[in-house]
Amino acid sequence: MYFLDHGDAYYRGLILSSFSAYSGGYIAQDRAVNIFPFMGATGDNYTGCEVTGFSLAGNNLITVGKSVPHGFAVNGQTGYENLNKNIFMIITDKNSIASRFIWLTQYSPSGAEITLTEPKLIPVGNNQYAVLFSEETSNQSVLHYLLMDMSGNVILSKLYKNVTIQTDSQPILWGRNIVWVSGNYDNGNYDSSRTYLYEIPVVTTPLNGIALNQTNLTIDEGNTQKLTPSFTPSNSDDVKDVVWTSSNPGIASVSEDGTIQGNGYGQAVITASAGDFQAQCQVTVKVSENNTPLTKPVLKLSQKSADQIHLTWKKVPGAKGYQIYCKTDSQSSYKRIKTLKTGAVSFDAAVVPDVTYSFKVRAYGTNASGKNKYSKFSAVKSRKAAVPAPSKVSCKMSNGGIEVSWKKVAGASGYVIYRNGSAAKTVKSSVSTWKDTKAYDSQTGMYWVYNYYVKAFKTVNGKRIYSKPTKTINLYS
């Protein structure tokens, strides 16, 4: 039988005692050893040490806790007063009572304060133990999972972000999972108002690598093919979900199950990631050699902003991008203003009100030899840039006046509110309401029924360019 006593005043240290049963029905102490002596004078109560786990593992006794260094230096520093605590483990031979002291963390005792929760010791079978504790900072909590053998060797370690384990919670083994209850730690905020059930798998065979069934692959544009991962060792219980990525999805994309889609001529690297390990496959996508021209886009123009005209067109099959050309009435030739390489089918062109702009668009792609091919240009679309009129104009009685409101126009410099056909107020572009105090008679408490409309304007070279007026409204509209 073994007892562990946390001594403070006398003796100062962790005292491990063994007891044996003798004939006559009595139990006597065989020996007592101080496996973790504490600094400080006899009679001191402060130890700077917390013991949170004690278990028999084969021929060894395992003790875990957190403590200031005392005589076991951390980063060359010893001592016990006003120092940070670290997580420790002590492995003691149950027969000889010889002990080995291990620091599981080695944060600076005198550095920035690090909050570590009490380490929890959980037997997981085969003389293996899991040690769990949380490292908490001002912005997150990270759960540390250590798998140890009975000699105190770390078999593997894992981290779980935004997971915590509190002092009053003791994890248990449930099947091949470790479960416990605790509050929730999310984005740096600890919520103790609700209790959550946490579960992590018992990992005993760490993952050492991942491979793919193919490292080079050639497929035709429009076709698919699936990659299959394998893991080393094959019996690892540390396999996470595989994350698939492509270096160029425009050439070859990949789905969550490893299926590759050939999207266009060229090469891309597909990467499968599992934990800290990766495997890659270089994919070459071929396209059929043909002289079939790309369909020319159908262009449409619209304007909802005072300084932009919005261009849209439908996607052209086989196109890798689009080139946009523009000219004004004062220009003799078109100029390419944008090349879209992402497959986008819209663009906002910067404009100045009261100027007429003409636009045309063509698609481009590549053939099997990698050379560019182009569609014919779309039909030219022209539009005189204008300042759009505000929308959603309304008015209502307000304390001491009639409040007129409207939806702001992007790019406008300001607005003019008209009362009964005459300009009543000019406001900045940041304003979308105005109270007409002249519409209220304070002596009678009556409101005058005025008609209102609003114009937006854009100032260009010191000159105001106005929108069309909004619809006319009044209190009865």
Protein backbone atom coordinates (compact mmCIF):
# COMPACT_ATOMS: atom_id res chain seq x y z
CA MET A 1 0.00 0.00 0.00
CA TYR A 2 1.31 3.44 -0.91
CA PHE A 3 0.45 6.85 0.50
CA LEU A 4 1.48 10.29 -0.78
CA ASP A 5 1.47 13.12 1.74
CA HIS A 6 1.72 16.78 0.68
CA GLY A 7 3.78 18.17 3.53
CA ASP A 8 4.01 21.90 4.14
CA ALA A 9 5.26 22.95 7.58
CA TYR A 10 7.00 19.66 8.47
CA TYR A 11 8.13 17.73 6.53
CA ARG A 12 8.35 20.12 3.56
CA GLY A 13 7.89 18.02 0.45
CA LEU A 14 5.92 15.20 -1.12
CA ILE A 15 6.37 12.25 1.20
CA LEU A 16 5.81 8.82 -0.39
CA SER A 17 5.23 6.05 2.15
CA SER A 18 4.86 2.29 1.67
CA PHE A 19 2.95 0.06 4.08
CA SER A 20 2.82 -3.73 4.41
CA ALA A 21 0.44 -6.11 6.16
CA TYR A 22 1.93 -8.37 8.80
CA SER A 23 0.76 -11.50 10.59
CA GLY A 24 -1.44 -10.63 13.45
CA GLY A 25 -3.60 -8.38 11.29
CA TYR A 26 -1.74 -5.12 11.55
CA ILE A 27 -0.28 -2.76 8.92
CA ALA A 28 3.04 -1.01 9.42
CA GLN A 29 5.01 1.57 7.50
CA ASP A 30 8.05 0.17 5.73
CA ARG A 31 9.65 3.41 4.62
CA ALA A 32 8.99 7.02 3.74
CA VAL A 33 10.88 9.05 1.11
CA ASN A 34 10.65 12.74 0.21
CA ILE A 35 10.33 12.52 -3.59
CA PHE A 36 9.96 16.31 -4.07
CA PRO A 37 11.68 18.36 -1.34
CA PHE A 38 10.35 21.92 -0.90
CA MET A 39 12.49 24.95 -0.24
CA GLY A 40 11.66 27.18 2.72
CA ALA A 41 11.96 27.08 6.46
CA THR A 42 10.34 24.49 8.68
CA GLY A 43 6.92 25.77 9.67
CA ASP A 44 6.22 27.58 6.39
CA ASN A 45 2.81 26.73 4.99
CA TYR A 46 3.29 27.97 1.42
CA THR A 47 4.68 25.31 -0.90
CA GLY A 48 3.80 26.56 -4.41
CA CYS A 49 2.91 22.98 -5.33
CA GLU A 50 -0.34 21.20 -6.20
CA VAL A 51 -0.63 17.41 -6.55
CA THR A 52 -3.52 16.41 -8.82
CA GLY A 53 -2.81 12.80 -9.81
CA PHE A 54 -1.32 9.67 -8.18
CA SER A 55 -1.52 6.19 -9.73
CA LEU A 56 0.14 2.77 -9.90
CA ALA A 57 1.46 1.84 -13.37
CA GLY A 58 3.11 -1.58 -13.56
CA ASN A 59 6.14 -1.44 -11.28
CA ASN A 60 6.03 2.34 -11.05
CA LEU A 61 4.08 4.99 -9.17
CA ILE A 62 3.14 8.11 -11.16
CA THR A 63 2.62 11.51 -9.53
CA VAL A 64 1.49 14.59 -11.49
CA GLY A 65 0.86 18.18 -10.47
CA LYS A 66 2.03 21.73 -11.01
CA SER A 67 4.61 23.60 -8.99
CA VAL A 68 7.20 26.33 -8.75
CA PRO A 69 10.73 24.96 -9.37
CA HIS A 70 12.08 24.56 -5.83
CA GLY A 71 15.33 22.62 -6.35
CA PHE A 72 14.45 21.22 -9.79
CA ALA A 73 15.62 23.98 -12.12
CA VAL A 74 13.44 25.24 -14.97
CA ASN A 75 15.49 27.03 -17.62
CA GLY A 76 18.31 27.21 -15.08
CA GLN A 77 16.17 28.85 -12.39
CA THR A 78 15.32 27.47 -8.95
CA GLY A 79 13.33 28.94 -6.06
CA TYR A 80 9.79 28.94 -4.76
CA GLU A 81 8.52 32.43 -3.93
CA ASN A 82 6.62 34.59 -6.47
CA LEU A 83 7.41 32.29 -9.40
CA ASN A 84 5.30 30.77 -12.17
CA LYS A 85 4.25 27.16 -11.95
CA ASN A 86 4.94 24.36 -14.45
CA ILE A 87 3.48 20.89 -14.91
CA PHE A 88 5.56 18.04 -13.45
CA MET A 89 5.57 14.24 -13.31
CA ILE A 90 7.45 12.01 -10.88
CA ILE A 91 8.10 8.34 -11.75
CA THR A 92 8.87 6.22 -8.67
CA ASP A 93 9.94 2.56 -8.68
CA LYS A 94 7.51 0.93 -6.24
CA ASN A 95 10.14 -1.50 -4.96
CA SER A 96 13.25 0.67 -4.60
CA ILE A 97 11.30 3.98 -4.20
CA ALA A 98 13.91 5.54 -6.50
CA SER A 99 12.34 8.53 -8.27
CA ARG A 100 12.80 10.44 -11.51
CA PHE A 101 11.49 14.02 -11.73
CA ILE A 102 10.24 15.32 -15.13
CA TRP A 103 9.04 18.79 -16.11
CA LEU A 104 6.27 18.39 -18.70
CA THR A 105 6.26 22.16 -19.33
CA GLN A 106 9.16 24.57 -19.01
CA TYR A 107 7.76 28.09 -19.04
CA SER A 108 10.00 30.74 -17.55
CA PRO A 109 9.42 30.86 -13.78
CA SER A 110 9.99 34.63 -13.74
CA GLY A 111 8.59 35.48 -17.20
CA ALA A 112 5.13 36.58 -18.27
CA GLU A 113 2.42 34.89 -16.27
CA ILE A 114 1.03 31.73 -17.87
CA THR A 115 -2.13 30.20 -16.43
CA LEU A 116 -2.03 26.40 -16.41
CA THR A 117 -4.97 24.40 -15.12
CA GLU A 118 -4.45 21.41 -12.87
CA PRO A 119 -3.09 18.41 -14.83
CA LYS A 120 -5.40 15.41 -14.92
CA LEU A 121 -4.06 11.83 -14.99
CA ILE A 122 -6.23 9.29 -16.84
CA PRO A 123 -5.31 5.56 -17.23
CA VAL A 124 -6.05 4.49 -20.83
CA GLY A 125 -4.91 0.84 -20.70
CA ASN A 126 -1.72 -1.09 -21.55
CA ASN A 127 0.10 0.75 -18.75
CA GLN A 128 -0.34 4.01 -20.64
CA TYR A 129 -1.64 7.28 -19.22
CA ALA A 130 -3.05 10.47 -20.66
CA VAL A 131 -2.18 13.78 -19.02
CA LEU A 132 -4.54 16.68 -19.78
CA PHE A 133 -4.16 20.33 -18.84
CA SER A 134 -5.12 23.69 -20.33
CA GLU A 135 -2.87 26.64 -21.08
CA GLU A 136 -4.95 29.82 -20.83
CA THR A 137 -3.96 33.26 -22.10
CA SER A 138 -5.90 36.48 -22.59
CA ASN A 139 -7.20 35.41 -25.99
CA GLN A 140 -7.55 31.63 -26.03
CA SER A 141 -7.34 28.33 -24.19
CA VAL A 142 -5.30 25.40 -25.55
CA LEU A 143 -5.78 21.88 -24.22
CA HIS A 144 -2.58 19.82 -24.03
CA TYR A 145 -2.91 16.04 -24.47
CA LEU A 146 0.14 13.94 -23.56
CA LEU A 147 0.22 10.16 -23.90
CA MET A 148 2.80 8.67 -21.50
CA ASP A 149 4.10 5.18 -20.89
CA MET A 150 4.59 3.87 -17.37
CA SER A 151 8.22 5.04 -17.41
CA GLY A 152 7.22 8.65 -18.03
CA ASN A 153 8.19 8.75 -21.69
CA VAL A 154 6.01 10.95 -23.88
CA ILE A 155 4.65 8.77 -26.70
CA LEU A 156 2.86 11.64 -28.40
CA SER A 157 1.40 15.07 -27.73
CA LYS A 158 -1.52 16.92 -29.31
CA LEU A 159 -3.09 20.36 -28.95
CA TYR A 160 -6.78 21.32 -29.06
CA LYS A 161 -7.53 25.04 -29.41
CA ASN A 162 -10.41 26.71 -27.55
CA VAL A 163 -10.85 23.66 -25.31
CA THR A 164 -10.46 23.85 -21.55
CA ILE A 165 -10.59 21.59 -18.52
CA GLN A 166 -11.38 23.15 -15.18
CA THR A 167 -10.12 22.32 -11.70
CA ASP A 168 -13.34 20.69 -10.49
CA SER A 169 -13.65 18.37 -13.50
CA GLN A 170 -12.15 14.86 -13.57
CA PRO A 171 -12.00 13.21 -17.02
CA ILE A 172 -12.84 9.53 -17.39
CA LEU A 173 -12.22 6.89 -20.04
CA TRP A 174 -15.39 6.01 -21.97
CA GLY A 175 -14.71 3.36 -24.58
CA ARG A 176 -11.73 4.75 -26.50
CA ASN A 177 -12.56 8.37 -25.71
CA ILE A 178 -11.73 10.66 -22.82
CA VAL A 179 -14.77 12.66 -21.68
CA TRP A 180 -15.26 15.44 -19.13
CA VAL A 181 -17.50 18.42 -18.39
CA SER A 182 -16.39 22.04 -18.25
CA GLY A 183 -17.34 25.56 -19.22
CA ASN A 184 -16.79 26.83 -22.75
CA TYR A 185 -13.75 28.81 -23.95
CA ASP A 186 -14.41 30.60 -27.25
CA ASN A 187 -12.34 33.40 -28.80
CA GLY A 188 -10.76 34.33 -25.52
CA ASN A 189 -13.99 34.42 -23.50
CA TYR A 190 -14.64 31.81 -20.83
CA ASP A 191 -18.34 31.08 -20.33
CA SER A 192 -19.04 29.36 -17.01
CA SER A 193 -22.80 29.93 -17.17
CA ARG A 194 -23.32 26.70 -19.11
CA THR A 195 -21.73 23.28 -18.82
CA TYR A 196 -20.42 21.44 -21.87
CA LEU A 197 -19.48 17.80 -22.41
CA TYR A 198 -16.09 17.43 -24.09
CA GLU A 199 -14.75 14.33 -25.82
CA ILE A 200 -11.39 13.58 -27.41
CA PRO A 201 -10.13 10.24 -28.77
CA VAL A 202 -7.47 8.22 -27.00
CA VAL A 203 -4.57 8.29 -29.42
CA THR A 204 -2.07 5.49 -28.76
CA THR A 205 -0.54 4.96 -32.21
CA PRO A 206 0.64 8.30 -33.63
CA LEU A 207 0.46 9.11 -37.33
CA ASN A 208 3.88 9.22 -39.01
CA GLY A 209 2.96 9.97 -42.61
CA ILE A 210 0.43 10.13 -45.43
CA ALA A 211 0.80 9.04 -49.07
CA LEU A 212 -1.36 9.13 -52.21
CA ASN A 213 -1.97 6.31 -54.65
CA GLN A 214 -0.65 8.56 -57.46
CA THR A 215 1.97 11.31 -57.44
CA ASN A 216 1.54 12.28 -61.12
CA LEU A 217 -1.76 12.28 -62.97
CA THR A 218 -2.96 13.39 -66.42
CA ILE A 219 -6.66 13.95 -67.11
CA ASP A 220 -8.71 15.61 -69.82
CA GLU A 221 -10.53 18.87 -69.29
CA GLY A 222 -14.01 18.15 -67.91
CA ASN A 223 -13.10 14.69 -66.58
CA THR A 224 -12.70 13.57 -62.97
CA GLN A 225 -10.47 11.10 -61.14
CA LYS A 226 -10.22 10.21 -57.47
CA LEU A 227 -7.06 10.11 -55.35
CA THR A 228 -6.88 7.68 -52.43
CA PRO A 229 -4.77 8.42 -49.33
CA SER A 230 -2.97 5.85 -47.19
CA PHE A 231 -1.46 6.32 -43.74
CA THR A 232 1.66 5.21 -41.87
CA PRO A 233 1.31 3.20 -39.74
CA SER A 234 -1.82 1.68 -41.22
CA ASN A 235 -3.28 1.01 -37.75
CA SER A 236 -2.81 4.60 -36.53
CA ASP A 237 -5.70 5.89 -34.44
CA ASP A 238 -4.39 9.44 -34.94
CA VAL A 239 -5.82 9.90 -38.44
CA LYS A 240 -7.66 13.20 -38.74
CA ASP A 241 -9.97 14.21 -41.55
CA VAL A 242 -7.94 14.71 -44.71
CA VAL A 243 -7.96 18.30 -46.00
CA TRP A 244 -7.62 18.63 -49.78
CA THR A 245 -6.33 21.76 -51.55
CA SER A 246 -5.32 22.74 -55.08
CA SER A 247 -2.56 25.15 -56.05
CA ASN A 248 -4.72 26.32 -58.98
CA PRO A 249 -8.43 25.41 -58.86
CA GLY A 250 -8.91 27.04 -62.25
CA ILE A 251 -6.85 24.22 -63.75
CA ALA A 252 -7.72 21.36 -61.37
CA SER A 253 -10.06 21.52 -58.39
CA VAL A 254 -10.47 18.86 -55.71
CA SER A 255 -13.49 17.90 -53.59
CA GLU A 256 -13.62 16.84 -49.93
CA ASP A 257 -13.32 13.15 -50.87
CA GLY A 258 -10.24 13.62 -53.09
CA THR A 259 -12.04 13.71 -56.46
CA ILE A 260 -10.13 15.86 -58.97
CA GLN A 261 -11.96 17.86 -61.65
CA GLY A 262 -10.04 18.95 -64.75
CA ASN A 263 -11.06 22.56 -65.40
CA GLY A 264 -8.53 23.89 -67.90
CA TYR A 265 -5.22 23.40 -69.65
CA GLY A 266 -2.13 23.44 -67.42
CA GLN A 267 -0.68 21.92 -64.26
CA ALA A 268 -1.73 22.10 -60.63
CA VAL A 269 -0.53 20.46 -57.42
CA ILE A 270 -3.12 18.67 -55.28
CA THR A 271 -2.19 18.46 -51.59
CA ALA A 272 -3.70 16.09 -49.01
CA SER A 273 -3.05 17.14 -45.40
CA ALA A 274 -3.60 15.05 -42.26
CA GLY A 275 -2.38 16.65 -39.06
CA ASP A 276 1.21 17.76 -39.59
CA PHE A 277 1.74 15.52 -42.63
CA GLN A 278 1.18 16.16 -46.34
CA ALA A 279 1.24 14.25 -49.62
CA GLN A 280 1.07 15.77 -53.11
CA CYS A 281 0.11 14.81 -56.64
CA GLN A 282 0.99 16.87 -59.73
CA VAL A 283 -1.99 16.99 -62.07
CA THR A 284 -1.71 17.82 -65.78
CA VAL A 285 -4.95 18.79 -67.50
CA LYS A 286 -5.22 18.39 -71.28
CA VAL A 287 -7.77 20.01 -73.57
CA SER A 288 -8.79 18.79 -76.99
CA GLU A 289 -7.03 20.49 -79.86
CA ASN A 290 -9.77 22.21 -81.85
CA ASN A 291 -10.42 25.46 -83.61
CA THR A 292 -13.91 25.94 -82.24
CA PRO A 293 -14.11 29.64 -81.38
CA LEU A 294 -15.29 30.82 -78.01
CA THR A 295 -18.79 32.25 -77.95
CA LYS A 296 -18.80 36.02 -77.80
CA PRO A 297 -20.22 37.44 -74.55
CA VAL A 298 -23.57 39.25 -74.37
CA LEU A 299 -22.91 42.53 -72.54
CA LYS A 300 -25.33 44.52 -70.37
CA LEU A 301 -24.81 47.90 -68.66
CA SER A 302 -26.44 49.38 -65.57
CA GLN A 303 -25.69 52.17 -63.12
CA LYS A 304 -26.48 52.41 -59.42
CA SER A 305 -23.51 54.55 -58.39
CA ALA A 306 -22.60 58.10 -59.36
CA ASP A 307 -19.05 57.10 -60.27
CA GLN A 308 -19.37 53.55 -61.64
CA ILE A 309 -21.09 51.76 -64.53
CA HIS A 310 -21.78 48.08 -63.84
CA LEU A 311 -20.97 45.61 -66.66
CA THR A 312 -22.37 42.07 -66.66
CA TRP A 313 -22.37 39.14 -69.10
CA LYS A 314 -23.06 35.42 -69.04
CA LYS A 315 -20.24 32.94 -68.59
CA VAL A 316 -18.73 31.72 -71.86
CA PRO A 317 -18.06 27.92 -71.88
CA GLY A 318 -14.33 27.20 -72.05
CA ALA A 319 -13.31 30.76 -71.18
CA LYS A 320 -10.50 31.32 -68.69
CA GLY A 321 -11.13 35.03 -68.39
CA TYR A 322 -12.35 38.19 -70.10
CA GLN A 323 -10.89 41.41 -71.50
CA ILE A 324 -12.84 44.67 -71.17
CA TYR A 325 -12.35 47.59 -73.57
CA CYS A 326 -13.71 51.13 -73.25
CA LYS A 327 -13.71 54.51 -74.96
CA THR A 328 -15.50 57.83 -74.56
CA ASP A 329 -16.96 60.03 -77.28
CA SER A 330 -13.82 62.16 -77.17
CA GLN A 331 -11.53 59.17 -77.79
CA SER A 332 -10.92 57.73 -81.24
CA SER A 333 -10.04 54.16 -80.23
CA TYR A 334 -10.82 51.59 -77.58
CA LYS A 335 -8.44 50.93 -74.70
CA ARG A 336 -8.28 47.73 -72.67
CA ILE A 337 -9.14 48.73 -69.10
CA LYS A 338 -9.26 45.33 -67.37
CA THR A 339 -8.34 41.67 -67.79
CA LEU A 340 -10.27 39.33 -65.50
CA LYS A 341 -8.47 36.07 -64.80
CA THR A 342 -10.77 34.62 -62.17
CA GLY A 343 -13.77 33.72 -64.30
CA ALA A 344 -15.78 36.66 -62.91
CA VAL A 345 -18.67 37.78 -65.13
CA SER A 346 -19.09 41.36 -63.92
CA PHE A 347 -17.01 44.50 -63.53
CA ASP A 348 -17.51 48.03 -62.17
CA ALA A 349 -15.91 50.63 -64.45
CA ALA A 350 -15.02 54.03 -63.00
CA VAL A 351 -16.87 56.86 -64.80
CA VAL A 352 -17.53 60.60 -64.61
CA PRO A 353 -21.16 61.79 -64.84
CA ASP A 354 -22.31 63.50 -68.05
CA VAL A 355 -19.76 61.58 -70.17
CA THR A 356 -20.84 58.88 -72.66
CA TYR A 357 -18.91 55.61 -72.44
CA SER A 358 -18.82 52.69 -74.88
CA PHE A 359 -17.81 49.20 -73.76
CA LYS A 360 -17.10 45.84 -75.39
CA VAL A 361 -15.93 42.52 -73.92
CA ARG A 362 -14.29 39.41 -75.31
CA ALA A 363 -13.54 36.03 -73.73
CA TYR A 364 -10.21 34.27 -73.89
CA GLY A 365 -9.02 30.70 -73.29
CA THR A 366 -6.17 28.36 -74.18
CA ASN A 367 -5.82 25.49 -76.60
CA ALA A 368 -3.98 22.22 -76.00
CA SER A 369 -0.63 23.78 -76.89
CA GLY A 370 -1.15 26.49 -74.29
CA LYS A 371 -1.69 29.36 -76.73
CA ASN A 372 -4.40 31.93 -76.13
CA LYS A 373 -7.55 31.98 -78.21
CA TYR A 374 -10.18 34.74 -78.16
CA SER A 375 -13.86 35.10 -78.85
CA LYS A 376 -15.27 37.84 -81.02
CA PHE A 377 -16.06 41.07 -79.20
CA SER A 378 -19.50 41.52 -77.75
CA ALA A 379 -21.82 44.04 -79.33
CA VAL A 380 -20.80 47.55 -78.23
CA LYS A 381 -22.93 48.94 -75.42
CA SER A 382 -22.94 52.68 -74.73
CA ARG A 383 -24.29 54.66 -71.83
CA LYS A 384 -24.10 58.27 -70.74
CA ALA A 385 -22.95 58.23 -67.14
CA ALA A 386 -25.45 59.92 -64.89
CA VAL A 387 -26.05 60.49 -61.23
CA PRO A 388 -28.75 58.00 -60.15
CA ALA A 389 -31.73 59.44 -58.32
CA PRO A 390 -32.12 58.49 -54.66
CA SER A 391 -34.59 55.70 -53.93
CA LYS A 392 -37.01 54.93 -51.12
CA VAL A 393 -37.88 58.61 -50.55
CA SER A 394 -40.51 59.15 -47.84
CA CYS A 395 -41.74 61.72 -45.33
CA LYS A 396 -43.41 61.60 -41.95
CA MET A 397 -44.44 63.88 -39.12
CA SER A 398 -41.66 64.34 -36.62
CA ASN A 399 -41.37 66.37 -33.45
CA GLY A 400 -41.30 69.97 -34.64
CA GLY A 401 -41.36 69.31 -38.38
CA ILE A 402 -41.71 66.91 -41.29
CA GLU A 403 -38.84 64.46 -41.75
CA VAL A 404 -37.86 63.64 -45.33
CA SER A 405 -35.67 60.54 -45.83
CA TRP A 406 -34.12 58.67 -48.77
CA LYS A 407 -31.63 55.94 -49.59
CA LYS A 408 -28.14 57.28 -50.27
CA VAL A 409 -26.54 57.07 -53.72
CA ALA A 410 -23.03 55.60 -53.81
CA GLY A 411 -20.49 58.11 -55.10
CA ALA A 412 -22.78 61.15 -54.73
CA SER A 413 -21.35 64.42 -53.41
CA GLY A 414 -24.59 65.53 -51.76
CA TYR A 415 -28.35 66.00 -52.03
CA VAL A 416 -30.82 68.85 -52.57
CA ILE A 417 -34.29 68.64 -51.01
CA TYR A 418 -37.03 70.55 -52.83
CA ARG A 419 -40.17 71.92 -51.16
CA ASN A 420 -43.07 72.78 -53.49
CA GLY A 421 -40.68 72.85 -56.44
CA SER A 422 -38.02 75.10 -54.88
CA ALA A 423 -34.70 74.10 -53.34
CA ALA A 424 -35.13 74.09 -49.58
CA LYS A 425 -31.97 72.45 -48.29
CA THR A 426 -28.59 71.11 -49.50
CA VAL A 427 -26.95 68.36 -47.41
CA LYS A 428 -23.73 66.33 -47.53
CA SER A 429 -23.45 62.85 -49.05
CA SER A 430 -23.33 61.28 -45.59
CA VAL A 431 -26.84 62.57 -44.77
CA SER A 432 -30.01 60.68 -45.69
CA THR A 433 -32.66 62.57 -43.65
CA TRP A 434 -33.72 66.20 -43.25
CA LYS A 435 -36.32 67.77 -40.97
CA ASP A 436 -38.35 70.65 -42.43
CA THR A 437 -39.19 72.74 -39.37
CA LYS A 438 -41.09 75.26 -41.48
CA ALA A 439 -43.77 72.66 -42.07
CA TYR A 440 -44.82 72.83 -38.43
CA ASP A 441 -46.85 75.64 -36.78
CA SER A 442 -45.82 75.63 -33.15
CA GLN A 443 -48.71 77.90 -32.11
CA THR A 444 -51.45 75.66 -33.50
CA GLY A 445 -49.58 72.36 -33.44
CA MET A 446 -50.55 71.83 -37.08
CA TYR A 447 -48.41 70.51 -39.95
CA TRP A 448 -48.40 72.13 -43.38
CA VAL A 449 -48.86 69.74 -46.27
CA TYR A 450 -45.89 70.40 -48.57
CA ASN A 451 -44.73 68.44 -51.59
CA TYR A 452 -41.12 67.19 -51.56
CA TYR A 453 -38.66 65.54 -53.90
CA VAL A 454 -34.88 64.96 -53.72
CA LYS A 455 -32.03 65.17 -56.21
CA ALA A 456 -28.54 63.72 -55.78
CA PHE A 457 -25.57 65.53 -57.28
CA LYS A 458 -21.92 64.84 -58.10
CA THR A 459 -19.41 67.69 -58.14
CA VAL A 460 -17.06 67.44 -61.13
CA ASN A 461 -14.43 70.15 -61.69
CA GLY A 462 -16.39 72.51 -59.45
CA LYS A 463 -19.66 71.92 -61.30
CA ARG A 464 -22.65 70.09 -59.91
CA ILE A 465 -24.21 67.38 -62.04
CA TYR A 466 -27.69 66.48 -60.79
CA SER A 467 -29.73 63.31 -60.91
CA LYS A 468 -33.30 63.23 -62.04
CA PRO A 469 -35.73 64.11 -59.24
CA THR A 470 -37.27 61.41 -57.12
CA LYS A 471 -41.00 60.97 -57.12
CA THR A 472 -42.90 63.78 -55.37
CA ILE A 473 -44.19 62.89 -51.92
CA ASN A 474 -46.17 64.47 -49.09
CA LEU A 475 -47.78 63.39 -45.83
CA TYR A 476 -50.60 61.72 -47.74
CA SER A 477 -48.39 59.82 -50.20
